[in-house]
Amino acid sequence: MSIVITGNPGVGKHTITQLIADKMKLPIIDINKIAKDSQLFEKNGNVNDVDVEVLEKILESKISENNIIVGHLAPYVLRKNQVKLIIVLRKSPYDLIPVYENRKYDNVKIRDNVGSEVLGVIANDAMGKFQEKTFQINVSGKPVAEMFEKVMSVIMNKKGNEVVDWLELVRKNNDLGKFFAD
């Protein structure tokens, strides 16, 4: 079974995954790279759609006992019996906006991705599918070394889940309109 790192774009999945892979001597399975190499991305406006059923079948043959899997599509293309544990990296929507602006995302794509993080879509979907194997970690404002330590602690001890609720923060800041279309 695999260790899985997931979360919205821009939360640090690939950075943390590479550090874990180096430390634990594990091969990396990058879901997005496999989807791209398999030509499964289909442009739909400003987003890339993926046939998750086809991607799930492709991944099935690539997953071994000891590897680390990375990608925001993990909850949609993996089965519970393939996963040892799944860590959802969470980042404040206020911290994600500049990340997306630096990546030159357009306003719609920024709003969609930040809205997804505010609502905890990936975290919720991971918890629904993988239940007790799911751990959330708030990586907002943390240096990479601290994020890595926290993730490694969860991997080694299978505890350390954090409750992350950006919706309450955004509501309290009266910023719902900032992150969701009117």
C-alpha atoms as a PDB file:
ATOM      1  CA  MET A   1       0.000   0.000   0.000  1.00  0.00           C
ATOM      2  CA  SER A   2       1.118   3.533  -0.769  1.00  0.00           C
ATOM      3  CA  ILE A   3       1.642   6.778   1.073  1.00  0.00           C
ATOM      4  CA  VAL A   4      -0.348   9.494  -0.711  1.00  0.00           C
ATOM      5  CA  ILE A   5       0.153  13.263  -0.634  1.00  0.00           C
ATOM      6  CA  THR A   6      -2.741  15.304  -1.984  1.00  0.00           C
ATOM      7  CA  GLY A   7      -4.305  18.742  -1.731  1.00  0.00           C
ATOM      8  CA  ASN A   8      -5.151  21.693  -3.918  1.00  0.00           C
ATOM      9  CA  PRO A   9      -2.621  23.075  -6.390  1.00  0.00           C
ATOM     10  CA  GLY A  10      -0.019  25.265  -4.704  1.00  0.00           C
ATOM     11  CA  VAL A  11      -0.011  23.707  -1.232  1.00  0.00           C
ATOM     12  CA  GLY A  12       3.442  22.111  -1.578  1.00  0.00           C
ATOM     13  CA  LYS A  13       2.600  18.523  -2.548  1.00  0.00           C
ATOM     14  CA  HIS A  14       5.518  17.946  -4.904  1.00  0.00           C
ATOM     15  CA  THR A  15       8.073  19.638  -2.634  1.00  0.00           C
ATOM     16  CA  ILE A  16       7.075  17.511   0.365  1.00  0.00           C
ATOM     17  CA  THR A  17       6.748  14.343  -1.729  1.00  0.00           C
ATOM     18  CA  GLN A  18      10.290  14.689  -3.054  1.00  0.00           C
ATOM     19  CA  LEU A  19      11.668  15.123   0.486  1.00  0.00           C
ATOM     20  CA  ILE A  20       9.754  12.065   1.723  1.00  0.00           C
ATOM     21  CA  ALA A  21      10.874   9.995  -1.248  1.00  0.00           C
ATOM     22  CA  ASP A  22      14.505  10.969  -0.626  1.00  0.00           C
ATOM     23  CA  LYS A  23      14.280  10.246   3.108  1.00  0.00           C
ATOM     24  CA  MET A  24      12.413   6.932   2.807  1.00  0.00           C
ATOM     25  CA  LYS A  25      14.002   5.829  -0.492  1.00  0.00           C
ATOM     26  CA  LEU A  26      10.607   5.474  -2.168  1.00  0.00           C
ATOM     27  CA  PRO A  27       9.768   5.843  -5.850  1.00  0.00           C
ATOM     28  CA  ILE A  28       7.324   8.636  -6.708  1.00  0.00           C
ATOM     29  CA  ILE A  29       4.168   8.105  -8.721  1.00  0.00           C
ATOM     30  CA  ASP A  30       3.028  11.526  -9.974  1.00  0.00           C
ATOM     31  CA  ILE A  31      -0.640  11.280 -10.963  1.00  0.00           C
ATOM     32  CA  ASN A  32      -0.586  14.440 -13.093  1.00  0.00           C
ATOM     33  CA  LYS A  33       2.530  13.321 -14.962  1.00  0.00           C
ATOM     34  CA  ILE A  34       0.959   9.949 -15.725  1.00  0.00           C
ATOM     35  CA  ALA A  35      -2.248  11.621 -16.904  1.00  0.00           C
ATOM     36  CA  LYS A  36      -0.250  13.995 -19.101  1.00  0.00           C
ATOM     37  CA  ASP A  37       2.020  11.261 -20.489  1.00  0.00           C
ATOM     38  CA  SER A  38      -1.092   9.172 -21.226  1.00  0.00           C
ATOM     39  CA  GLN A  39      -2.681  12.163 -22.990  1.00  0.00           C
ATOM     40  CA  LEU A  40      -5.698  12.081 -20.690  1.00  0.00           C
ATOM     41  CA  PHE A  41      -5.974  15.850 -20.222  1.00  0.00           C
ATOM     42  CA  GLU A  42      -8.752  17.420 -22.245  1.00  0.00           C
ATOM     43  CA  LYS A  43      -8.932  21.212 -22.355  1.00  0.00           C
ATOM     44  CA  ASN A  44     -12.305  22.520 -21.162  1.00  0.00           C
ATOM     45  CA  GLY A  45     -12.177  26.305 -21.045  1.00  0.00           C
ATOM     46  CA  ASN A  46      -9.460  27.219 -18.570  1.00  0.00           C
ATOM     47  CA  VAL A  47      -9.367  23.785 -16.903  1.00  0.00           C
ATOM     48  CA  ASN A  48      -8.050  20.402 -17.897  1.00  0.00           C
ATOM     49  CA  ASP A  49     -10.526  17.569 -17.523  1.00  0.00           C
ATOM     50  CA  VAL A  50      -9.287  14.025 -16.981  1.00  0.00           C
ATOM     51  CA  ASP A  51     -11.057  10.732 -17.563  1.00  0.00           C
ATOM     52  CA  VAL A  52     -10.607   9.446 -14.004  1.00  0.00           C
ATOM     53  CA  GLU A  53     -11.805   5.927 -14.846  1.00  0.00           C
ATOM     54  CA  VAL A  54      -9.093   5.489 -17.472  1.00  0.00           C
ATOM     55  CA  LEU A  55      -6.501   7.073 -15.175  1.00  0.00           C
ATOM     56  CA  GLU A  56      -7.516   4.735 -12.339  1.00  0.00           C
ATOM     57  CA  LYS A  57      -6.911   1.711 -14.591  1.00  0.00           C
ATOM     58  CA  ILE A  58      -3.507   3.026 -15.699  1.00  0.00           C
ATOM     59  CA  LEU A  59      -2.447   3.688 -12.103  1.00  0.00           C
ATOM     60  CA  GLU A  60      -3.499   0.227 -10.996  1.00  0.00           C
ATOM     61  CA  SER A  61      -0.631  -1.308 -12.953  1.00  0.00           C
ATOM     62  CA  LYS A  62       1.928   1.234 -11.698  1.00  0.00           C
ATOM     63  CA  ILE A  63       1.303   1.085  -7.945  1.00  0.00           C
ATOM     64  CA  SER A  64       3.453  -1.274  -5.911  1.00  0.00           C
ATOM     65  CA  GLU A  65       3.716  -1.994  -2.201  1.00  0.00           C
ATOM     66  CA  ASN A  66       6.262   0.687  -1.425  1.00  0.00           C
ATOM     67  CA  ASN A  67       5.880   4.015  -3.150  1.00  0.00           C
ATOM     68  CA  ILE A  68       4.635   7.528  -2.622  1.00  0.00           C
ATOM     69  CA  ILE A  69       1.867   8.919  -4.786  1.00  0.00           C
ATOM     70  CA  VAL A  70       1.325  12.639  -5.341  1.00  0.00           C
ATOM     71  CA  GLY A  71      -1.515  14.557  -6.964  1.00  0.00           C
ATOM     72  CA  HIS A  72      -4.700  16.468  -6.353  1.00  0.00           C
ATOM     73  CA  LEU A  73      -6.660  13.767  -8.195  1.00  0.00           C
ATOM     74  CA  ALA A  74      -5.686  11.056  -5.693  1.00  0.00           C
ATOM     75  CA  PRO A  75      -9.104  10.805  -3.989  1.00  0.00           C
ATOM     76  CA  TYR A  76     -10.726  10.245  -7.380  1.00  0.00           C
ATOM     77  CA  VAL A  77      -8.366   7.681  -8.939  1.00  0.00           C
ATOM     78  CA  LEU A  78      -7.178   5.522  -6.036  1.00  0.00           C
ATOM     79  CA  ARG A  79      -8.952   2.803  -4.082  1.00  0.00           C
ATOM     80  CA  LYS A  80      -8.824   2.439  -0.323  1.00  0.00           C
ATOM     81  CA  ASN A  81      -6.981  -0.893  -0.527  1.00  0.00           C
ATOM     82  CA  GLN A  82      -4.135   0.802  -2.451  1.00  0.00           C
ATOM     83  CA  VAL A  83      -3.551   3.407   0.256  1.00  0.00           C
ATOM     84  CA  LYS A  84      -1.654   3.021   3.508  1.00  0.00           C
ATOM     85  CA  LEU A  85      -2.412   6.619   4.450  1.00  0.00           C
ATOM     86  CA  ILE A  86      -3.362   9.788   2.624  1.00  0.00           C
ATOM     87  CA  ILE A  87      -2.180  13.186   3.762  1.00  0.00           C
ATOM     88  CA  VAL A  88      -4.110  16.229   2.588  1.00  0.00           C
ATOM     89  CA  LEU A  89      -1.996  19.367   2.702  1.00  0.00           C
ATOM     90  CA  ARG A  90      -4.142  22.425   3.437  1.00  0.00           C
ATOM     91  CA  LYS A  91      -3.120  26.063   2.954  1.00  0.00           C
ATOM     92  CA  SER A  92      -4.932  29.251   3.848  1.00  0.00           C
ATOM     93  CA  PRO A  93      -6.834  30.690   0.889  1.00  0.00           C
ATOM     94  CA  TYR A  94      -5.158  34.011   1.640  1.00  0.00           C
ATOM     95  CA  ASP A  95      -1.754  32.331   1.143  1.00  0.00           C
ATOM     96  CA  LEU A  96      -2.867  30.549  -2.041  1.00  0.00           C
ATOM     97  CA  ILE A  97      -3.914  33.661  -3.975  1.00  0.00           C
ATOM     98  CA  PRO A  98      -0.340  34.942  -4.479  1.00  0.00           C
ATOM     99  CA  VAL A  99       0.805  31.420  -5.409  1.00  0.00           C
ATOM    100  CA  TYR A 100      -1.818  31.282  -8.158  1.00  0.00           C
ATOM    101  CA  GLU A 101      -1.077  34.826  -9.304  1.00  0.00           C
ATOM    102  CA  ASN A 102       2.621  33.884  -9.624  1.00  0.00           C
ATOM    103  CA  ARG A 103       1.560  30.870 -11.698  1.00  0.00           C
ATOM    104  CA  LYS A 104      -0.372  33.269 -13.953  1.00  0.00           C
ATOM    105  CA  TYR A 105      -3.744  31.620 -13.295  1.00  0.00           C
ATOM    106  CA  ASP A 106      -6.620  33.723 -14.600  1.00  0.00           C
ATOM    107  CA  ASN A 107      -9.185  35.092 -12.133  1.00  0.00           C
ATOM    108  CA  VAL A 108     -11.689  32.290 -12.755  1.00  0.00           C
ATOM    109  CA  LYS A 109      -9.082  29.590 -12.156  1.00  0.00           C
ATOM    110  CA  ILE A 110      -7.861  31.368  -9.007  1.00  0.00           C
ATOM    111  CA  ARG A 111     -11.405  31.649  -7.682  1.00  0.00           C
ATOM    112  CA  ASP A 112     -12.172  27.990  -8.487  1.00  0.00           C
ATOM    113  CA  ASN A 113      -9.017  26.676  -6.795  1.00  0.00           C
ATOM    114  CA  VAL A 114      -9.249  28.952  -3.768  1.00  0.00           C
ATOM    115  CA  GLY A 115     -12.963  28.197  -3.414  1.00  0.00           C
ATOM    116  CA  SER A 116     -12.166  24.492  -3.478  1.00  0.00           C
ATOM    117  CA  GLU A 117      -9.634  24.982  -0.669  1.00  0.00           C
ATOM    118  CA  VAL A 118     -12.057  27.113   1.378  1.00  0.00           C
ATOM    119  CA  LEU A 119     -14.703  24.399   1.120  1.00  0.00           C
ATOM    120  CA  GLY A 120     -12.174  21.609   1.709  1.00  0.00           C
ATOM    121  CA  VAL A 121     -13.332  19.685  -1.359  1.00  0.00           C
ATOM    122  CA  ILE A 122     -10.273  17.425  -1.677  1.00  0.00           C
ATOM    123  CA  ALA A 123     -10.058  16.879   2.087  1.00  0.00           C
ATOM    124  CA  ASN A 124     -13.756  16.021   2.292  1.00  0.00           C
ATOM    125  CA  ASP A 125     -13.563  13.651  -0.665  1.00  0.00           C
ATOM    126  CA  ALA A 126     -10.457  11.964   0.773  1.00  0.00           C
ATOM    127  CA  MET A 127     -12.108  11.550   4.196  1.00  0.00           C
ATOM    128  CA  GLY A 128     -15.249  10.149   2.597  1.00  0.00           C
ATOM    129  CA  LYS A 129     -13.344   7.552   0.624  1.00  0.00           C
ATOM    130  CA  PHE A 130     -10.347   6.698   2.829  1.00  0.00           C
ATOM    131  CA  GLN A 131     -11.843   7.424   6.291  1.00  0.00           C
ATOM    132  CA  GLU A 132      -9.332   6.610   9.077  1.00  0.00           C
ATOM    133  CA  LYS A 133      -6.448   6.616   6.593  1.00  0.00           C
ATOM    134  CA  THR A 134      -6.914  10.375   5.947  1.00  0.00           C
ATOM    135  CA  PHE A 135      -4.911  13.068   7.724  1.00  0.00           C
ATOM    136  CA  GLN A 136      -5.098  16.829   7.166  1.00  0.00           C
ATOM    137  CA  ILE A 137      -2.130  19.088   7.823  1.00  0.00           C
ATOM    138  CA  ASN A 138      -2.291  22.882   7.816  1.00  0.00           C
ATOM    139  CA  VAL A 139       0.885  24.024   6.046  1.00  0.00           C
ATOM    140  CA  SER A 140       0.039  27.747   5.991  1.00  0.00           C
ATOM    141  CA  GLY A 141       3.024  29.963   6.658  1.00  0.00           C
ATOM    142  CA  LYS A 142       5.233  27.029   7.627  1.00  0.00           C
ATOM    143  CA  PRO A 143       8.756  26.661   6.273  1.00  0.00           C
ATOM    144  CA  VAL A 144       9.337  23.557   4.178  1.00  0.00           C
ATOM    145  CA  ALA A 145      11.445  21.894   6.900  1.00  0.00           C
ATOM    146  CA  GLU A 146       8.605  22.245   9.415  1.00  0.00           C
ATOM    147  CA  MET A 147       6.039  20.933   6.914  1.00  0.00           C
ATOM    148  CA  PHE A 148       8.290  17.960   6.189  1.00  0.00           C
ATOM    149  CA  GLU A 149       8.726  17.168   9.896  1.00  0.00           C
ATOM    150  CA  LYS A 150       4.973  17.274  10.468  1.00  0.00           C
ATOM    151  CA  VAL A 151       4.256  15.010   7.475  1.00  0.00           C
ATOM    152  CA  MET A 152       6.967  12.548   8.513  1.00  0.00           C
ATOM    153  CA  SER A 153       5.510  12.451  12.030  1.00  0.00           C
ATOM    154  CA  VAL A 154       2.089  11.559  10.611  1.00  0.00           C
ATOM    155  CA  ILE A 155       3.632   8.865   8.396  1.00  0.00           C
ATOM    156  CA  MET A 156       5.626   7.303  11.227  1.00  0.00           C
ATOM    157  CA  ASN A 157       3.016   7.583  13.997  1.00  0.00           C
ATOM    158  CA  LYS A 158      -0.256   7.518  12.040  1.00  0.00           C
ATOM    159  CA  LYS A 159      -1.571  10.364  14.172  1.00  0.00           C
ATOM    160  CA  GLY A 160      -1.485  14.136  14.031  1.00  0.00           C
ATOM    161  CA  ASN A 161      -4.614  14.948  12.048  1.00  0.00           C
ATOM    162  CA  GLU A 162      -5.502  18.639  12.167  1.00  0.00           C
ATOM    163  CA  VAL A 163      -8.969  20.139  11.858  1.00  0.00           C
ATOM    164  CA  VAL A 164      -8.827  22.749   9.119  1.00  0.00           C
ATOM    165  CA  ASP A 165     -11.805  25.065   8.564  1.00  0.00           C
ATOM    166  CA  TRP A 166     -11.122  27.916   6.160  1.00  0.00           C
ATOM    167  CA  LEU A 167     -14.829  28.560   5.655  1.00  0.00           C
ATOM    168  CA  GLU A 168     -15.177  29.846   9.203  1.00  0.00           C
ATOM    169  CA  LEU A 169     -12.102  32.072   8.775  1.00  0.00           C
ATOM    170  CA  VAL A 170     -13.376  33.479   5.480  1.00  0.00           C
ATOM    171  CA  ARG A 171     -16.858  34.031   6.915  1.00  0.00           C
ATOM    172  CA  LYS A 172     -15.421  35.784   9.968  1.00  0.00           C
ATOM    173  CA  ASN A 173     -13.360  38.040   7.662  1.00  0.00           C
ATOM    174  CA  ASN A 174     -16.520  38.742   5.626  1.00  0.00           C
ATOM    175  CA  ASP A 175     -14.699  37.544   2.481  1.00  0.00           C
ATOM    176  CA  LEU A 176     -17.166  34.985   1.069  1.00  0.00           C
ATOM    177  CA  GLY A 177     -17.696  37.235  -1.971  1.00  0.00           C
ATOM    178  CA  LYS A 178     -13.948  37.354  -2.537  1.00  0.00           C
ATOM    179  CA  PHE A 179     -13.720  33.592  -3.003  1.00  0.00           C
ATOM    180  CA  PHE A 180     -17.092  32.683  -4.500  1.00  0.00           C
ATOM    181  CA  ALA A 181     -18.935  34.039  -7.524  1.00  0.00           C
ATOM    182  CA  ASP A 182     -21.934  36.211  -6.746  1.00  0.00           C
END
